[in-house]
Amino acid sequence: MKYRKLHWWDVDPEEAIRIQNGLKKYISLEASFKEIKRIAGADATYHNGMTIAGVVVLEYPSLKIIESKCSVFPLTFPYIPGLLSFREGPALLNTFEKVENEPDLIMFDGQGISHPRRMGIATHLGILMNKPSIGCAKSILIGNYISPGEKRGEYVFLKDGEDTLGVILRTKEGASPLFISPGNKIDILASIEMVLKCTGGYRLPEPLRQAHLFVKQLKRYVE
C-alpha cells in the first residue's frame, strides 16, 4: 500500500499541532465506498523503548484473516494526548506499506474526528492513505455524553459544543461501550453500521481484536 507524504514526522509537539491543523482541509465525512471486500485493523503497543505496530487484513463479510504484517520502530515521540499519530504513525504506515491485500476500510485503535483538532489517528492516517477509516477508542478524548443503553447496538451521540463527533456505542451487552468516530471518507452512521457488522461475541470489532492480539503476541519477541 502507498500513502501520501504530506509532512515530516520528526517534529516537536508545537509543529505537530500545526501539521494537524493544516491537514483538516483534507477531511471528508462522506461515505465514499460502494463495496467492501477487505477490512484492516491497525494497532500498536510499546516495549523496551520500541513501537510494535500490527495490521491485520480480514475478508468481509466472512471476517477471515488473510494477511498480517508488523513493524518495530524506535519510540521517539513523547506521550501527549491528542498527538498519538506522531507516536504511532510512522510504524503503522511502514506496516501498511508491506500489506499486499489492500483494504477497502481501516479500523484504528484510537480516535477519528473526536479530537480537539478533529485529527485523531484514524483521521490523520486515513487522509495520508486516502482510505475510509474509523476510530474505535476505549476512552474519551473530548466531548460530552451520557452512557448508552445496555443492549448491543444502542448508542448516544458524542458532542463537542454544536459539533457531533461520533457516538458512544454498546457493542456487547454487559461490556463498556466504545467511542466510535469517523476518520476519513466515511460518515457517522456508516461507521456505526460497519463496527456492528464486524462485532460478534466480543467488545472490539474483529479487525481490531485480531490486530490487538497480533501486537500482544509480537511483544513477547521484542527485546
Foldseek 3Di string as FASTA:
>chain_A
DAWACPDDLPDAPVVLVVVLLVCPVLFDAAADDDDWFKEKEWEWDDDPQKIKIKIWIATPPVRHTDDIWIFIGGQDYDDDPQRVCSRHVVRHNVRQVPDDPDGQEYEYAWQALLGPSNAMNQQVRCSGHVHWYKYKYPDHRDFDDDAFDQDAATWDFGDDVPDTFEIFGAHARPDGTITMGTHHNHHRVVRSVVQNSQGDHDRGRSNNVVRVVVNVVVNVVDD
